[in-house]
């Protein structure tokens, strides 16, 4: 159709293609005479029409895996991609070494430009996955897949061109800063869960067991919400560290705060600890919603799902704290404290969801950061949830039933 009208086919035609299974049969090697040229919308390269089959297969695999919208960005050298595209358009052979060299931007000089490829749910681009693509499609098919992934990134407006030095800096930041914070959050969440099972509810040991997890979590959401911006600027530095300093001050108050009676923590300590937990979990909840619905990178959406599940489960547990009989029926007490059990089980699921993030390479966490408006909305929503929970808890904290359960 593109040849008949004289205009390039739309991206929708390339990405959707024929119904599922249309490319499942054996493929014949394309001939130069039967393969018209297609100018991709990115205007980066001109390739033969058989490359649309790879684009169709890319979308088909995503649909089979239940995720046709998520993206998985990888970066390759712009010059190398242009050379491969030029050779494809001329019908020349592509060697395995050329594909492997294209998939290794770490070897490029610092001033070389790299561009984004979007492999979606297929997850190509890493070393072992490139080897698998080469075995399945051969060098020519793998090169066409790279070009189709580049076209998908351009059509989606994903990823910006950068130098190889900036790419290495981005990867280093994800490995040195972001992933250790996530690991810290997972580790202290597990330790705190074990300690909470051993500590009496609302005792001093109970609130002390909560602090490490809340502190690690504050480091995570403050980095995600108020971290450095793309391009190297860090205008939210003061706000980020002010939030962290506030949490540290609250930690100190909970540790040295006045003790209560019978080994319990005082009401002031419980209120401060509860406010810290409500704000932190509510930020996780709203940040998870933002990442899942407003970001396409599959690893970021996975992290967003984990934050959402973790935050939502805590809000259910907090609601039960404000209304002890929330899950009871006909005066029975069999489901009392079910919200807390639900929170622990949901948190385990959330941590398992977040674990695959550590396998991600080239995770541009700065590019996934919420805007200033979105950050403000997330913080306002979190503070609102915390105020509602605190007001409900304060209103019911004087009843005999609540004091007995606490």
Foldseek 3Di string as FASTA:
>chain_A
DCVVVVHADDLCCLQAPDDPPPLVDDDDDDDLVPWDWGQFPVNLAIATPVLSSLNNVLQNVCVVVVHNQFWAKDKFFSVLLSVLRHCRRVVHDFAPVSLVNRLCLLPDDQATKIWIFTSGPLPDSDDVRLVVQCVVPNRNNSSSNRVSRRSVCVVVVHTDIDGSNVLVVLQCCCQPPQVVLLVQLLVLLVQLVVQCVVDDPQFLSNLLSVLSNLLSLLSNLLCQAQNAAPPGHRPSVVVSVVSSVVSVVLNVCSNPPDADPPRGRDPVSVLSSLLSVLLSLLLLQLQLVCQLPPHRHPLSVLLSVLSNLLSVLVLQLLVCLLPQCPPPDPPDCPCGSVSVVSNSVSNVVSSVSNVCSVVRGSDNSNVSHDDPVSSVVSNVSSNVRSVVSSVSNVVPVPDPVSVVSD
